[in-house]
Amino acid sequence: MASPVATVSPAPVESEVSLARLYVLRAIYLLMAVGGAIQFLPQLIGHEPTARGVIPSMLGGLWVLACFGLRYPLQMLPVLLFELLWKTIWLLDYGLPQRMAGVNTAQFTEDFKAIAAFPVIIIAIIPWGYVFRHYLKKPGARWR
């Protein structure tokens, strides 16, 4: 008679990150989802037939992915990493040099306020240990 072999299932990925951190990630995705619905959805629904629509479409795609982040906060971390990277690049390459040069137009001030705080918040919220283990240390997919 064969004895049953006990199998040890690996710990769920979510157990690598505290429940509190998962809720904070969900709060950020919720902020992005609500903000996107307010900011981008009207542009996507009611626009001129000849509008180019490249930026609203891209931001609308990010909005949809942020909605997925509410349910799958760790799997959607690349969305937050993308947000962190593009906003950091903008701040370093455009925002801070223009601010130091004294640019003070209404559009620049609005853009700077909308972009500047997000990288600081995201740096504090992203579970960097998880990112390191799953995006840098873990072997990538095979090439052939």
C-alpha atoms as a PDB file:
ATOM      1  CA  MET A   1       0.000   0.000   0.000  1.00  0.00           C
ATOM      2  CA  ALA A   2       1.415   3.335  -1.004  1.00  0.00           C
ATOM      3  CA  SER A   3       1.589   6.028   1.595  1.00  0.00           C
ATOM      4  CA  PRO A   4       0.353   9.452   0.634  1.00  0.00           C
ATOM      5  CA  VAL A   5       3.146  11.884  -0.001  1.00  0.00           C
ATOM      6  CA  ALA A   6       2.742  15.217   1.689  1.00  0.00           C
ATOM      7  CA  THR A   7       3.312  18.042  -0.666  1.00  0.00           C
ATOM      8  CA  VAL A   8       4.318  21.419   0.542  1.00  0.00           C
ATOM      9  CA  SER A   9       2.728  24.164  -1.458  1.00  0.00           C
ATOM     10  CA  PRO A  10       4.751  27.315  -1.806  1.00  0.00           C
ATOM     11  CA  ALA A  11       3.627  30.305   0.215  1.00  0.00           C
ATOM     12  CA  PRO A  12       1.312  32.556  -1.724  1.00  0.00           C
ATOM     13  CA  VAL A  13       3.028  35.520  -3.299  1.00  0.00           C
ATOM     14  CA  GLU A  14       0.760  37.862  -1.326  1.00  0.00           C
ATOM     15  CA  SER A  15       2.241  36.565   1.943  1.00  0.00           C
ATOM     16  CA  GLU A  16       5.554  38.169   0.956  1.00  0.00           C
ATOM     17  CA  VAL A  17       3.980  41.603   1.422  1.00  0.00           C
ATOM     18  CA  SER A  18       2.063  42.662   4.507  1.00  0.00           C
ATOM     19  CA  LEU A  19      -1.679  43.039   4.349  1.00  0.00           C
ATOM     20  CA  ALA A  20      -1.316  46.688   5.345  1.00  0.00           C
ATOM     21  CA  ARG A  21       1.023  47.291   2.367  1.00  0.00           C
ATOM     22  CA  LEU A  22      -1.482  45.581   0.057  1.00  0.00           C
ATOM     23  CA  TYR A  23      -4.214  47.925   1.290  1.00  0.00           C
ATOM     24  CA  VAL A  24      -1.970  50.950   0.782  1.00  0.00           C
ATOM     25  CA  LEU A  25      -1.211  49.763  -2.762  1.00  0.00           C
ATOM     26  CA  ARG A  26      -4.935  49.340  -3.366  1.00  0.00           C
ATOM     27  CA  ALA A  27      -5.519  52.867  -2.068  1.00  0.00           C
ATOM     28  CA  ILE A  28      -3.019  54.213  -4.623  1.00  0.00           C
ATOM     29  CA  TYR A  29      -4.676  52.221  -7.418  1.00  0.00           C
ATOM     30  CA  LEU A  30      -8.045  53.574  -6.239  1.00  0.00           C
ATOM     31  CA  LEU A  31      -6.679  57.114  -6.319  1.00  0.00           C
ATOM     32  CA  MET A  32      -5.401  56.494  -9.852  1.00  0.00           C
ATOM     33  CA  ALA A  33      -8.715  54.916 -10.904  1.00  0.00           C
ATOM     34  CA  VAL A  34     -10.876  57.714  -9.509  1.00  0.00           C
ATOM     35  CA  GLY A  35      -8.493  60.417 -10.743  1.00  0.00           C
ATOM     36  CA  GLY A  36      -8.376  58.803 -14.180  1.00  0.00           C
ATOM     37  CA  ALA A  37     -12.148  58.547 -14.348  1.00  0.00           C
ATOM     38  CA  ILE A  38     -12.439  62.240 -13.512  1.00  0.00           C
ATOM     39  CA  GLN A  39      -9.529  63.417 -15.645  1.00  0.00           C
ATOM     40  CA  PHE A  40      -9.367  61.150 -18.716  1.00  0.00           C
ATOM     41  CA  LEU A  41     -12.730  59.486 -19.174  1.00  0.00           C
ATOM     42  CA  PRO A  42     -14.476  62.707 -20.265  1.00  0.00           C
ATOM     43  CA  GLN A  43     -11.713  63.277 -22.845  1.00  0.00           C
ATOM     44  CA  LEU A  44     -12.139  59.740 -24.169  1.00  0.00           C
ATOM     45  CA  ILE A  45     -15.921  59.918 -24.376  1.00  0.00           C
ATOM     46  CA  GLY A  46     -16.508  63.461 -25.603  1.00  0.00           C
ATOM     47  CA  HIS A  47     -13.889  64.627 -28.052  1.00  0.00           C
ATOM     48  CA  GLU A  48     -13.812  66.184 -31.482  1.00  0.00           C
ATOM     49  CA  PRO A  49     -13.867  63.632 -34.320  1.00  0.00           C
ATOM     50  CA  THR A  50     -10.564  65.040 -35.579  1.00  0.00           C
ATOM     51  CA  ALA A  51      -8.798  64.927 -32.177  1.00  0.00           C
ATOM     52  CA  ARG A  52      -5.472  63.115 -32.206  1.00  0.00           C
ATOM     53  CA  GLY A  53      -6.123  61.486 -28.823  1.00  0.00           C
ATOM     54  CA  VAL A  54      -2.727  59.868 -28.293  1.00  0.00           C
ATOM     55  CA  ILE A  55      -2.171  61.055 -24.718  1.00  0.00           C
ATOM     56  CA  PRO A  56      -5.749  60.547 -23.477  1.00  0.00           C
ATOM     57  CA  SER A  57      -5.732  57.038 -24.974  1.00  0.00           C
ATOM     58  CA  MET A  58      -2.455  56.102 -23.277  1.00  0.00           C
ATOM     59  CA  LEU A  59      -3.622  57.529 -19.971  1.00  0.00           C
ATOM     60  CA  GLY A  60      -6.966  55.763 -20.414  1.00  0.00           C
ATOM     61  CA  GLY A  61      -5.054  52.487 -20.766  1.00  0.00           C
ATOM     62  CA  LEU A  62      -3.189  53.223 -17.537  1.00  0.00           C
ATOM     63  CA  TRP A  63      -6.538  54.003 -15.923  1.00  0.00           C
ATOM     64  CA  VAL A  64      -7.887  50.560 -16.865  1.00  0.00           C
ATOM     65  CA  LEU A  65      -4.734  48.887 -15.531  1.00  0.00           C
ATOM     66  CA  ALA A  66      -5.064  50.848 -12.276  1.00  0.00           C
ATOM     67  CA  CYS A  67      -8.574  49.416 -11.960  1.00  0.00           C
ATOM     68  CA  PHE A  68      -7.054  45.917 -12.262  1.00  0.00           C
ATOM     69  CA  GLY A  69      -4.605  46.931  -9.527  1.00  0.00           C
ATOM     70  CA  LEU A  70      -7.469  47.142  -7.054  1.00  0.00           C
ATOM     71  CA  ARG A  71      -7.906  43.383  -7.345  1.00  0.00           C
ATOM     72  CA  TYR A  72      -4.299  42.404  -8.138  1.00  0.00           C
ATOM     73  CA  PRO A  73      -2.058  44.940  -6.376  1.00  0.00           C
ATOM     74  CA  LEU A  74       1.199  43.008  -6.723  1.00  0.00           C
ATOM     75  CA  GLN A  75       0.693  41.794 -10.268  1.00  0.00           C
ATOM     76  CA  MET A  76       0.033  45.360 -11.393  1.00  0.00           C
ATOM     77  CA  LEU A  77       3.185  46.818  -9.801  1.00  0.00           C
ATOM     78  CA  PRO A  78       4.658  47.511 -13.264  1.00  0.00           C
ATOM     79  CA  VAL A  79       1.947  50.164 -13.645  1.00  0.00           C
ATOM     80  CA  LEU A  80       3.225  51.949 -10.531  1.00  0.00           C
ATOM     81  CA  LEU A  81       6.823  51.486 -11.651  1.00  0.00           C
ATOM     82  CA  PHE A  82       5.953  53.040 -15.019  1.00  0.00           C
ATOM     83  CA  GLU A  83       4.252  55.971 -13.257  1.00  0.00           C
ATOM     84  CA  LEU A  84       7.272  56.395 -10.979  1.00  0.00           C
ATOM     85  CA  LEU A  85       9.737  56.293 -13.875  1.00  0.00           C
ATOM     86  CA  TRP A  86       8.036  58.658 -16.286  1.00  0.00           C
ATOM     87  CA  LYS A  87       7.249  61.198 -13.588  1.00  0.00           C
ATOM     88  CA  THR A  88      10.787  61.043 -12.205  1.00  0.00           C
ATOM     89  CA  ILE A  89      12.229  61.472 -15.712  1.00  0.00           C
ATOM     90  CA  TRP A  90       9.932  64.449 -16.319  1.00  0.00           C
ATOM     91  CA  LEU A  91      10.883  66.032 -12.994  1.00  0.00           C
ATOM     92  CA  LEU A  92      14.628  65.636 -13.517  1.00  0.00           C
ATOM     93  CA  ASP A  93      14.736  66.452 -17.224  1.00  0.00           C
ATOM     94  CA  TYR A  94      11.992  69.073 -17.590  1.00  0.00           C
ATOM     95  CA  GLY A  95      10.326  70.111 -14.333  1.00  0.00           C
ATOM     96  CA  LEU A  96      13.219  71.023 -12.075  1.00  0.00           C
ATOM     97  CA  PRO A  97      15.332  72.747 -14.781  1.00  0.00           C
ATOM     98  CA  GLN A  98      12.349  74.875 -15.827  1.00  0.00           C
ATOM     99  CA  ARG A  99      11.465  75.666 -12.224  1.00  0.00           C
ATOM    100  CA  MET A 100      15.063  76.684 -11.487  1.00  0.00           C
ATOM    101  CA  ALA A 101      15.026  78.842 -14.643  1.00  0.00           C
ATOM    102  CA  GLY A 102      11.982  80.670 -13.290  1.00  0.00           C
ATOM    103  CA  VAL A 103       9.309  79.314 -15.627  1.00  0.00           C
ATOM    104  CA  ASN A 104       6.042  80.292 -13.988  1.00  0.00           C
ATOM    105  CA  THR A 105       3.289  79.755 -16.548  1.00  0.00           C
ATOM    106  CA  ALA A 106      -0.089  78.486 -15.371  1.00  0.00           C
ATOM    107  CA  GLN A 107       0.284  75.257 -17.382  1.00  0.00           C
ATOM    108  CA  PHE A 108       3.757  74.534 -15.999  1.00  0.00           C
ATOM    109  CA  THR A 109       2.657  75.208 -12.413  1.00  0.00           C
ATOM    110  CA  GLU A 110      -0.342  72.908 -12.850  1.00  0.00           C
ATOM    111  CA  ASP A 111       1.803  70.150 -14.392  1.00  0.00           C
ATOM    112  CA  PHE A 112       4.488  70.483 -11.724  1.00  0.00           C
ATOM    113  CA  LYS A 113       1.956  70.198  -8.887  1.00  0.00           C
ATOM    114  CA  ALA A 114       0.276  67.206 -10.506  1.00  0.00           C
ATOM    115  CA  ILE A 115       3.539  65.342 -11.071  1.00  0.00           C
ATOM    116  CA  ALA A 116       5.969  66.325  -8.289  1.00  0.00           C
ATOM    117  CA  ALA A 117       4.434  64.598  -5.246  1.00  0.00           C
ATOM    118  CA  PHE A 118       3.680  61.245  -6.876  1.00  0.00           C
ATOM    119  CA  PRO A 119       7.257  59.868  -7.101  1.00  0.00           C
ATOM    120  CA  VAL A 120       7.907  60.545  -3.414  1.00  0.00           C
ATOM    121  CA  ILE A 121       4.694  58.773  -2.412  1.00  0.00           C
ATOM    122  CA  ILE A 122       5.278  55.821  -4.734  1.00  0.00           C
ATOM    123  CA  ILE A 123       8.888  55.332  -3.610  1.00  0.00           C
ATOM    124  CA  ALA A 124       7.603  54.969  -0.049  1.00  0.00           C
ATOM    125  CA  ILE A 125       4.768  52.599  -0.982  1.00  0.00           C
ATOM    126  CA  ILE A 126       6.291  50.159  -3.469  1.00  0.00           C
ATOM    127  CA  PRO A 127       7.427  46.936  -1.753  1.00  0.00           C
ATOM    128  CA  TRP A 128      11.013  47.136  -3.006  1.00  0.00           C
ATOM    129  CA  GLY A 129      11.991  43.738  -1.587  1.00  0.00           C
ATOM    130  CA  TYR A 130       9.235  42.141  -3.631  1.00  0.00           C
ATOM    131  CA  VAL A 131      10.288  44.094  -6.736  1.00  0.00           C
ATOM    132  CA  PHE A 132      13.903  42.962  -6.247  1.00  0.00           C
ATOM    133  CA  ARG A 133      12.934  39.290  -5.746  1.00  0.00           C
ATOM    134  CA  HIS A 134      10.410  39.101  -8.583  1.00  0.00           C
ATOM    135  CA  TYR A 135      11.753  41.478 -11.221  1.00  0.00           C
ATOM    136  CA  LEU A 136      15.522  41.540 -10.743  1.00  0.00           C
ATOM    137  CA  LYS A 137      16.607  38.364  -8.941  1.00  0.00           C
ATOM    138  CA  LYS A 138      14.116  35.857 -10.359  1.00  0.00           C
ATOM    139  CA  PRO A 139      15.235  34.222 -13.615  1.00  0.00           C
ATOM    140  CA  GLY A 140      13.586  35.636 -16.696  1.00  0.00           C
ATOM    141  CA  ALA A 141      11.557  33.713 -19.224  1.00  0.00           C
ATOM    142  CA  ARG A 142      13.496  31.572 -21.671  1.00  0.00           C
ATOM    143  CA  TRP A 143      14.445  33.063 -25.021  1.00  0.00           C
ATOM    144  CA  ARG A 144      13.884  29.936 -27.151  1.00  0.00           C
END
